[in-house]
Amino acid sequence: MTAAQIIDVVESAGGRLWLDGEICRYKIPRKAKHLLSELRAHREEICRLLAVRAPVKPACRCSKRTFPHIHTQEDRARAIREWNRDSKWKIQ
């Protein structure tokens, strides 16, 4: 299996591969754990392919009860409105 095929199989199974600086990161569902040996065998080529394709923002690990990533003042205002709507604790 080539590195491109491995990336396609992982992503079609619901997994994710991305670069975090120089480090290749992955999140693979249990049903695709058999691909770990393939990932390790083709690590360098997979990292090169990930480096040339468009960057993928890692998924947010926030739960529904915490604030999402806030990048702008508008994001902050939206997050506060949503929090106030869903919570008994109000933020001013």
PDB file of N, CA and C in Angstrom:
ATOM      1  N   MET A   1       0.858  -1.170   0.000  1.00  0.00           N
ATOM      2  CA  MET A   1       0.000   0.000   0.000  1.00  0.00           C
ATOM      3  C   MET A   1       0.906   1.236   0.000  1.00  0.00           C
ATOM      4  N   THR A   2       0.562   2.217  -0.829  1.00  0.00           N
ATOM      5  CA  THR A   2       1.357   3.443  -0.885  1.00  0.00           C
ATOM      6  C   THR A   2       0.923   4.398   0.214  1.00  0.00           C
ATOM      7  N   ALA A   3       1.726   5.435   0.439  1.00  0.00           N
ATOM      8  CA  ALA A   3       1.402   6.422   1.477  1.00  0.00           C
ATOM      9  C   ALA A   3       0.093   7.137   1.155  1.00  0.00           C
ATOM     10  N   ALA A   4      -0.121   7.475  -0.108  1.00  0.00           N
ATOM     11  CA  ALA A   4      -1.368   8.148  -0.497  1.00  0.00           C
ATOM     12  C   ALA A   4      -2.573   7.249  -0.233  1.00  0.00           C
ATOM     13  N   GLN A   5      -2.439   5.964  -0.513  1.00  0.00           N
ATOM     14  CA  GLN A   5      -3.532   5.027  -0.260  1.00  0.00           C
ATOM     15  C   GLN A   5      -3.801   4.890   1.235  1.00  0.00           C
ATOM     16  N   ILE A   6      -2.744   4.872   2.022  1.00  0.00           N
ATOM     17  CA  ILE A   6      -2.908   4.781   3.475  1.00  0.00           C
ATOM     18  C   ILE A   6      -3.668   5.990   3.997  1.00  0.00           C
ATOM     19  N   ILE A   7      -3.298   7.185   3.532  1.00  0.00           N
ATOM     20  CA  ILE A   7      -3.992   8.413   3.947  1.00  0.00           C
ATOM     21  C   ILE A   7      -5.460   8.333   3.573  1.00  0.00           C
ATOM     22  N   ASP A   8      -5.755   7.895   2.338  1.00  0.00           N
ATOM     23  CA  ASP A   8      -7.154   7.780   1.892  1.00  0.00           C
ATOM     24  C   ASP A   8      -7.939   6.789   2.736  1.00  0.00           C
ATOM     25  N   VAL A   9      -7.332   5.636   3.040  1.00  0.00           N
ATOM     26  CA  VAL A   9      -8.032   4.609   3.821  1.00  0.00           C
ATOM     27  C   VAL A   9      -8.297   5.103   5.243  1.00  0.00           C
ATOM     28  N   VAL A  10      -7.304   5.744   5.846  1.00  0.00           N
ATOM     29  CA  VAL A  10      -7.480   6.262   7.211  1.00  0.00           C
ATOM     30  C   VAL A  10      -8.589   7.304   7.243  1.00  0.00           C
ATOM     31  N   GLU A  11      -8.562   8.243   6.302  1.00  0.00           N
ATOM     32  CA  GLU A  11      -9.572   9.306   6.291  1.00  0.00           C
ATOM     33  C   GLU A  11     -10.953   8.783   5.930  1.00  0.00           C
ATOM     34  N   SER A  12     -11.041   7.795   5.042  1.00  0.00           N
ATOM     35  CA  SER A  12     -12.354   7.238   4.709  1.00  0.00           C
ATOM     36  C   SER A  12     -12.931   6.422   5.869  1.00  0.00           C
ATOM     37  N   ALA A  13     -12.056   5.934   6.760  1.00  0.00           N
ATOM     38  CA  ALA A  13     -12.517   5.198   7.940  1.00  0.00           C
ATOM     39  C   ALA A  13     -12.911   6.141   9.072  1.00  0.00           C
ATOM     40  N   GLY A  14     -12.748   7.460   8.851  1.00  0.00           N
ATOM     41  CA  GLY A  14     -13.112   8.438   9.881  1.00  0.00           C
ATOM     42  C   GLY A  14     -11.922   8.918  10.690  1.00  0.00           C
ATOM     43  N   GLY A  15     -10.717   8.531  10.312  1.00  0.00           N
ATOM     44  CA  GLY A  15      -9.517   8.965  11.009  1.00  0.00           C
ATOM     45  C   GLY A  15      -8.979  10.258  10.429  1.00  0.00           C
ATOM     46  N   ARG A  16      -7.957  10.801  11.078  1.00  0.00           N
ATOM     47  CA  ARG A  16      -7.341  12.053  10.631  1.00  0.00           C
ATOM     48  C   ARG A  16      -5.840  11.949  10.740  1.00  0.00           C
ATOM     49  N   LEU A  17      -5.158  12.551   9.789  1.00  0.00           N
ATOM     50  CA  LEU A  17      -3.704  12.653   9.802  1.00  0.00           C
ATOM     51  C   LEU A  17      -3.363  14.114   9.582  1.00  0.00           C
ATOM     52  N   TRP A  18      -2.434  14.666  10.373  1.00  0.00           N
ATOM     53  CA  TRP A  18      -2.032  16.049  10.188  1.00  0.00           C
ATOM     54  C   TRP A  18      -0.624  16.247  10.720  1.00  0.00           C
ATOM     55  N   LEU A  19      -0.027  17.350  10.311  1.00  0.00           N
ATOM     56  CA  LEU A  19       1.293  17.714  10.796  1.00  0.00           C
ATOM     57  C   LEU A  19       1.151  18.737  11.909  1.00  0.00           C
ATOM     58  N   ASP A  20       1.895  18.522  12.967  1.00  0.00           N
ATOM     59  CA  ASP A  20       1.976  19.474  14.069  1.00  0.00           C
ATOM     60  C   ASP A  20       3.436  19.916  14.125  1.00  0.00           C
ATOM     61  N   GLY A  21       3.749  20.949  13.330  1.00  0.00           N
ATOM     62  CA  GLY A  21       5.138  21.345  13.163  1.00  0.00           C
ATOM     63  C   GLY A  21       5.836  20.295  12.316  1.00  0.00           C
ATOM     64  N   GLU A  22       6.811  19.614  12.883  1.00  0.00           N
ATOM     65  CA  GLU A  22       7.534  18.556  12.176  1.00  0.00           C
ATOM     66  C   GLU A  22       7.014  17.160  12.530  1.00  0.00           C
ATOM     67  N   ILE A  23       6.034  17.093  13.423  1.00  0.00           N
ATOM     68  CA  ILE A  23       5.551  15.807  13.934  1.00  0.00           C
ATOM     69  C   ILE A  23       4.259  15.412  13.219  1.00  0.00           C
ATOM     70  N   CYS A  24       4.208  14.162  12.765  1.00  0.00           N
ATOM     71  CA  CYS A  24       2.975  13.625  12.176  1.00  0.00           C
ATOM     72  C   CYS A  24       2.068  13.159  13.309  1.00  0.00           C
ATOM     73  N   ARG A  25       0.850  13.635  13.304  1.00  0.00           N
ATOM     74  CA  ARG A  25      -0.135  13.235  14.315  1.00  0.00           C
ATOM     75  C   ARG A  25      -1.249  12.450  13.622  1.00  0.00           C
ATOM     76  N   TYR A  26      -1.927  11.633  14.390  1.00  0.00           N
ATOM     77  CA  TYR A  26      -3.041  10.884  13.826  1.00  0.00           C
ATOM     78  C   TYR A  26      -4.094  10.627  14.892  1.00  0.00           C
ATOM     79  N   LYS A  27      -5.293  10.424  14.428  1.00  0.00           N
ATOM     80  CA  LYS A  27      -6.411   9.985  15.258  1.00  0.00           C
ATOM     81  C   LYS A  27      -7.136   8.955  14.414  1.00  0.00           C
ATOM     82  N   ILE A  28      -7.126   7.729  14.902  1.00  0.00           N
ATOM     83  CA  ILE A  28      -7.649   6.623  14.112  1.00  0.00           C
ATOM     84  C   ILE A  28      -8.723   5.896  14.915  1.00  0.00           C
ATOM     85  N   PRO A  29      -9.875   5.622  14.291  1.00  0.00           N
ATOM     86  CA  PRO A  29     -10.913   4.862  15.000  1.00  0.00           C
ATOM     87  C   PRO A  29     -10.465   3.416  15.236  1.00  0.00           C
ATOM     88  N   ARG A  30     -11.076   2.780  16.172  1.00  0.00           N
ATOM     89  CA  ARG A  30     -10.694   1.409  16.537  1.00  0.00           C
ATOM     90  C   ARG A  30     -10.767   0.459  15.349  1.00  0.00           C
ATOM     91  N   LYS A  31     -11.740   0.679  14.485  1.00  0.00           N
ATOM     92  CA  LYS A  31     -11.898  -0.242  13.354  1.00  0.00           C
ATOM     93  C   LYS A  31     -10.747  -0.148  12.356  1.00  0.00           C
ATOM     94  N   ALA A  32      -9.912   0.892  12.470  1.00  0.00           N
ATOM     95  CA  ALA A  32      -8.785   1.056  11.549  1.00  0.00           C
ATOM     96  C   ALA A  32      -7.436   0.897  12.241  1.00  0.00           C
ATOM     97  N   LYS A  33      -7.412   0.350  13.447  1.00  0.00           N
ATOM     98  CA  LYS A  33      -6.148   0.183  14.182  1.00  0.00           C
ATOM     99  C   LYS A  33      -5.170  -0.735  13.458  1.00  0.00           C
ATOM    100  N   HIS A  34      -5.660  -1.591  12.583  1.00  0.00           N
ATOM    101  CA  HIS A  34      -4.776  -2.476  11.830  1.00  0.00           C
ATOM    102  C   HIS A  34      -3.855  -1.690  10.886  1.00  0.00           C
ATOM    103  N   LEU A  35      -4.159  -0.432  10.632  1.00  0.00           N
ATOM    104  CA  LEU A  35      -3.341   0.399   9.750  1.00  0.00           C
ATOM    105  C   LEU A  35      -2.127   1.010  10.446  1.00  0.00           C
ATOM    106  N   LEU A  36      -2.015   0.863  11.757  1.00  0.00           N
ATOM    107  CA  LEU A  36      -0.891   1.462  12.479  1.00  0.00           C
ATOM    108  C   LEU A  36       0.458   0.965  11.973  1.00  0.00           C
ATOM    109  N   SER A  37       0.557  -0.312  11.678  1.00  0.00           N
ATOM    110  CA  SER A  37       1.833  -0.832  11.177  1.00  0.00           C
ATOM    111  C   SER A  37       2.167  -0.232   9.813  1.00  0.00           C
ATOM    112  N   GLU A  38       1.154  -0.026   8.977  1.00  0.00           N
ATOM    113  CA  GLU A  38       1.366   0.617   7.676  1.00  0.00           C
ATOM    114  C   GLU A  38       1.786   2.075   7.859  1.00  0.00           C
ATOM    115  N   LEU A  39       1.144   2.751   8.798  1.00  0.00           N
ATOM    116  CA  LEU A  39       1.509   4.150   9.069  1.00  0.00           C
ATOM    117  C   LEU A  39       2.968   4.250   9.507  1.00  0.00           C
ATOM    118  N   ARG A  40       3.373   3.365  10.388  1.00  0.00           N
ATOM    119  CA  ARG A  40       4.760   3.400  10.879  1.00  0.00           C
ATOM    120  C   ARG A  40       5.754   3.076   9.771  1.00  0.00           C
ATOM    121  N   ALA A  41       5.398   2.134   8.909  1.00  0.00           N
ATOM    122  CA  ALA A  41       6.303   1.724   7.838  1.00  0.00           C
ATOM    123  C   ALA A  41       6.501   2.837   6.800  1.00  0.00           C
ATOM    124  N   HIS A  42       5.485   3.670   6.591  1.00  0.00           N
ATOM    125  CA  HIS A  42       5.537   4.715   5.563  1.00  0.00           C
ATOM    126  C   HIS A  42       5.528   6.113   6.167  1.00  0.00           C
ATOM    127  N   ARG A  43       5.964   6.247   7.402  1.00  0.00           N
ATOM    128  CA  ARG A  43       5.873   7.509   8.138  1.00  0.00           C
ATOM    129  C   ARG A  43       6.489   8.693   7.379  1.00  0.00           C
ATOM    130  N   GLU A  44       7.697   8.551   6.879  1.00  0.00           N
ATOM    131  CA  GLU A  44       8.373   9.672   6.229  1.00  0.00           C
ATOM    132  C   GLU A  44       7.641  10.125   4.973  1.00  0.00           C
ATOM    133  N   GLU A  45       7.198   9.172   4.160  1.00  0.00           N
ATOM    134  CA  GLU A  45       6.482   9.523   2.932  1.00  0.00           C
ATOM    135  C   GLU A  45       5.122  10.160   3.251  1.00  0.00           C
ATOM    136  N   ILE A  46       4.440   9.649   4.265  1.00  0.00           N
ATOM    137  CA  ILE A  46       3.157  10.234   4.674  1.00  0.00           C
ATOM    138  C   ILE A  46       3.366  11.662   5.151  1.00  0.00           C
ATOM    139  N   CYS A  47       4.405  11.906   5.938  1.00  0.00           N
ATOM    140  CA  CYS A  47       4.698  13.266   6.412  1.00  0.00           C
ATOM    141  C   CYS A  47       4.979  14.207   5.247  1.00  0.00           C
ATOM    142  N   ARG A  48       5.712  13.721   4.245  1.00  0.00           N
ATOM    143  CA  ARG A  48       5.977  14.566   3.059  1.00  0.00           C
ATOM    144  C   ARG A  48       4.688  14.903   2.328  1.00  0.00           C
ATOM    145  N   LEU A  49       3.805  13.925   2.166  1.00  0.00           N
ATOM    146  CA  LEU A  49       2.524  14.183   1.494  1.00  0.00           C
ATOM    147  C   LEU A  49       1.659  15.156   2.289  1.00  0.00           C
ATOM    148  N   LEU A  50       1.644  15.003   3.605  1.00  0.00           N
ATOM    149  CA  LEU A  50       0.863  15.922   4.443  1.00  0.00           C
ATOM    150  C   LEU A  50       1.426  17.335   4.382  1.00  0.00           C
ATOM    151  N   ALA A  51       2.741  17.459   4.219  1.00  0.00           N
ATOM    152  CA  ALA A  51       3.372  18.780   4.179  1.00  0.00           C
ATOM    153  C   ALA A  51       3.012  19.552   2.909  1.00  0.00           C
ATOM    154  N   VAL A  52       2.771  18.854   1.809  1.00  0.00           N
ATOM    155  CA  VAL A  52       2.492  19.556   0.551  1.00  0.00           C
ATOM    156  C   VAL A  52       1.009  19.800   0.318  1.00  0.00           C
ATOM    157  N   ARG A  53       0.161  19.081   1.005  1.00  0.00           N
ATOM    158  CA  ARG A  53      -1.264  19.342   0.806  1.00  0.00           C
ATOM    159  C   ARG A  53      -1.727  20.479   1.713  1.00  0.00           C
ATOM    160  N   ALA A  54      -2.920  20.978   1.452  1.00  0.00           N
ATOM    161  CA  ALA A  54      -3.449  22.109   2.222  1.00  0.00           C
ATOM    162  C   ALA A  54      -3.489  21.749   3.700  1.00  0.00           C
ATOM    163  N   PRO A  55      -3.104  22.678   4.585  1.00  0.00           N
ATOM    164  CA  PRO A  55      -3.122  22.380   6.016  1.00  0.00           C
ATOM    165  C   PRO A  55      -4.533  22.113   6.522  1.00  0.00           C
ATOM    166  N   VAL A  56      -4.628  21.162   7.407  1.00  0.00           N
ATOM    167  CA  VAL A  56      -5.907  20.799   8.023  1.00  0.00           C
ATOM    168  C   VAL A  56      -5.844  21.211   9.476  1.00  0.00           C
ATOM    169  N   LYS A  57      -6.823  21.980   9.910  1.00  0.00           N
ATOM    170  CA  LYS A  57      -6.872  22.408  11.302  1.00  0.00           C
ATOM    171  C   LYS A  57      -7.297  21.235  12.175  1.00  0.00           C
ATOM    172  N   PRO A  58      -6.558  20.940  13.225  1.00  0.00           N
ATOM    173  CA  PRO A  58      -6.951  19.838  14.102  1.00  0.00           C
ATOM    174  C   PRO A  58      -8.335  20.059  14.703  1.00  0.00           C
ATOM    175  N   ALA A  59      -9.033  18.979  14.927  1.00  0.00           N
ATOM    176  CA  ALA A  59     -10.370  19.076  15.506  1.00  0.00           C
ATOM    177  C   ALA A  59     -10.291  19.640  16.911  1.00  0.00           C
ATOM    178  N   CYS A  60     -11.302  20.391  17.250  1.00  0.00           N
ATOM    179  CA  CYS A  60     -11.387  20.968  18.584  1.00  0.00           C
ATOM    180  C   CYS A  60     -11.704  19.855  19.571  1.00  0.00           C
ATOM    181  N   ARG A  61     -11.016  19.853  20.681  1.00  0.00           N
ATOM    182  CA  ARG A  61     -11.276  18.847  21.713  1.00  0.00           C
ATOM    183  C   ARG A  61     -12.221  19.381  22.778  1.00  0.00           C
ATOM    184  N   CYS A  62     -12.856  20.506  22.510  1.00  0.00           N
ATOM    185  CA  CYS A  62     -13.759  21.112  23.486  1.00  0.00           C
ATOM    186  C   CYS A  62     -15.034  20.293  23.584  1.00  0.00           C
ATOM    187  N   SER A  63     -15.557  20.187  24.776  1.00  0.00           N
ATOM    188  CA  SER A  63     -16.850  19.544  24.941  1.00  0.00           C
ATOM    189  C   SER A  63     -17.934  20.578  24.650  1.00  0.00           C
ATOM    190  N   LYS A  64     -19.166  20.138  24.619  1.00  0.00           N
ATOM    191  CA  LYS A  64     -20.257  21.057  24.325  1.00  0.00           C
ATOM    192  C   LYS A  64     -20.444  22.105  25.428  1.00  0.00           C
ATOM    193  N   ARG A  65     -19.970  21.815  26.622  1.00  0.00           N
ATOM    194  CA  ARG A  65     -20.181  22.731  27.745  1.00  0.00           C
ATOM    195  C   ARG A  65     -19.029  23.710  27.935  1.00  0.00           C
ATOM    196  N   THR A  66     -18.024  23.654  27.104  1.00  0.00           N
ATOM    197  CA  THR A  66     -16.923  24.594  27.210  1.00  0.00           C
ATOM    198  C   THR A  66     -16.927  25.509  25.992  1.00  0.00           C
ATOM    199  N   PHE A  67     -16.197  26.582  26.080  1.00  0.00           N
ATOM    200  CA  PHE A  67     -16.135  27.514  24.959  1.00  0.00           C
ATOM    201  C   PHE A  67     -15.369  26.918  23.794  1.00  0.00           C
ATOM    202  N   PRO A  68     -15.798  27.216  22.579  1.00  0.00           N
ATOM    203  CA  PRO A  68     -15.023  26.802  21.414  1.00  0.00           C
ATOM    204  C   PRO A  68     -13.774  27.668  21.303  1.00  0.00           C
ATOM    205  N   HIS A  69     -12.933  27.346  20.351  1.00  0.00           N
ATOM    206  CA  HIS A  69     -11.758  28.186  20.129  1.00  0.00           C
ATOM    207  C   HIS A  69     -12.216  29.589  19.767  1.00  0.00           C
ATOM    208  N   ILE A  70     -11.685  30.595  20.429  1.00  0.00           N
ATOM    209  CA  ILE A  70     -12.089  31.982  20.210  1.00  0.00           C
ATOM    210  C   ILE A  70     -10.928  32.717  19.567  1.00  0.00           C
ATOM    211  N   HIS A  71     -11.151  33.195  18.342  1.00  0.00           N
ATOM    212  CA  HIS A  71     -10.095  33.857  17.598  1.00  0.00           C
ATOM    213  C   HIS A  71     -10.339  35.347  17.456  1.00  0.00           C
ATOM    214  N   THR A  72     -11.584  35.761  17.447  1.00  0.00           N
ATOM    215  CA  THR A  72     -11.905  37.177  17.247  1.00  0.00           C
ATOM    216  C   THR A  72     -12.896  37.640  18.309  1.00  0.00           C
ATOM    217  N   GLN A  73     -13.092  38.940  18.374  1.00  0.00           N
ATOM    218  CA  GLN A  73     -14.067  39.505  19.301  1.00  0.00           C
ATOM    219  C   GLN A  73     -15.474  39.005  18.968  1.00  0.00           C
ATOM    220  N   GLU A  74     -15.742  38.841  17.681  1.00  0.00           N
ATOM    221  CA  GLU A  74     -17.053  38.339  17.256  1.00  0.00           C
ATOM    222  C   GLU A  74     -17.259  36.899  17.740  1.00  0.00           C
ATOM    223  N   ASP A  75     -16.219  36.072  17.659  1.00  0.00           N
ATOM    224  CA  ASP A  75     -16.302  34.700  18.171  1.00  0.00           C
ATOM    225  C   ASP A  75     -16.580  34.706  19.672  1.00  0.00           C
ATOM    226  N   ARG A  76     -15.929  35.619  20.400  1.00  0.00           N
ATOM    227  CA  ARG A  76     -16.124  35.713  21.846  1.00  0.00           C
ATOM    228  C   ARG A  76     -17.565  36.085  22.174  1.00  0.00           C
ATOM    229  N   ALA A  77     -18.104  37.069  21.440  1.00  0.00           N
ATOM    230  CA  ALA A  77     -19.489  37.494  21.690  1.00  0.00           C
ATOM    231  C   ALA A  77     -20.462  36.356  21.402  1.00  0.00           C
ATOM    232  N   ARG A  78     -20.238  35.626  20.304  1.00  0.00           N
ATOM    233  CA  ARG A  78     -21.110  34.506  19.957  1.00  0.00           C
ATOM    234  C   ARG A  78     -21.030  33.418  21.021  1.00  0.00           C
ATOM    235  N   ALA A  79     -19.823  33.121  21.493  1.00  0.00           N
ATOM    236  CA  ALA A  79     -19.653  32.089  22.509  1.00  0.00           C
ATOM    237  C   ALA A  79     -20.366  32.464  23.804  1.00  0.00           C
ATOM    238  N   ILE A  80     -20.274  33.732  24.186  1.00  0.00           N
ATOM    239  CA  ILE A  80     -20.946  34.184  25.416  1.00  0.00           C
ATOM    240  C   ILE A  80     -22.460  34.101  25.260  1.00  0.00           C
ATOM    241  N   ARG A  81     -22.981  34.497  24.090  1.00  0.00           N
ATOM    242  CA  ARG A  81     -24.432  34.389  23.861  1.00  0.00           C
ATOM    243  C   ARG A  81     -24.898  32.937  23.977  1.00  0.00           C
ATOM    244  N   GLU A  82     -24.134  32.012  23.370  1.00  0.00           N
ATOM    245  CA  GLU A  82     -24.510  30.599  23.433  1.00  0.00           C
ATOM    246  C   GLU A  82     -24.415  30.062  24.854  1.00  0.00           C
ATOM    247  N   TRP A  83     -23.379  30.453  25.568  1.00  0.00           N
ATOM    248  CA  TRP A  83     -23.213  30.009  26.946  1.00  0.00           C
ATOM    249  C   TRP A  83     -24.374  30.512  27.801  1.00  0.00           C
ATOM    250  N   ASN A  84     -24.721  31.785  27.686  1.00  0.00           N
ATOM    251  CA  ASN A  84     -25.813  32.358  28.479  1.00  0.00           C
ATOM    252  C   ASN A  84     -27.140  31.694  28.149  1.00  0.00           C
ATOM    253  N   ARG A  85     -27.329  31.320  26.909  1.00  0.00           N
ATOM    254  CA  ARG A  85     -28.579  30.683  26.514  1.00  0.00           C
ATOM    255  C   ARG A  85     -28.711  29.308  27.160  1.00  0.00           C
ATOM    256  N   ASP A  86     -27.595  28.577  27.278  1.00  0.00           N
ATOM    257  CA  ASP A  86     -27.640  27.193  27.744  1.00  0.00           C
ATOM    258  C   ASP A  86     -27.337  27.005  29.219  1.00  0.00           C
ATOM    259  N   SER A  87     -26.922  28.046  29.913  1.00  0.00           N
ATOM    260  CA  SER A  87     -26.439  27.869  31.275  1.00  0.00           C
ATOM    261  C   SER A  87     -27.261  28.687  32.263  1.00  0.00           C
ATOM    262  N   LYS A  88     -27.306  28.208  33.516  1.00  0.00           N
ATOM    263  CA  LYS A  88     -27.959  29.002  34.545  1.00  0.00           C
ATOM    264  C   LYS A  88     -27.040  30.109  35.051  1.00  0.00           C
ATOM    265  N   TRP A  89     -25.720  29.986  34.770  1.00  0.00           N
ATOM    266  CA  TRP A  89     -24.754  31.005  35.141  1.00  0.00           C
ATOM    267  C   TRP A  89     -24.607  31.983  33.983  1.00  0.00           C
ATOM    268  N   LYS A  90     -24.824  33.233  34.241  1.00  0.00           N
ATOM    269  CA  LYS A  90     -24.782  34.245  33.173  1.00  0.00           C
ATOM    270  C   LYS A  90     -23.464  34.998  33.189  1.00  0.00           C
ATOM    271  N   ILE A  91     -22.900  35.206  32.021  1.00  0.00           N
ATOM    272  CA  ILE A  91     -21.660  35.972  31.869  1.00  0.00           C
ATOM    273  C   ILE A  91     -22.022  37.360  31.372  1.00  0.00           C
ATOM    274  N   GLN A  92     -21.461  38.365  31.996  1.00  0.00           N
ATOM    275  CA  GLN A  92     -21.748  39.749  31.591  1.00  0.00           C
ATOM    276  C   GLN A  92     -20.775  40.223  30.555  1.00  0.00           C
TER     277      GLN A  92
END
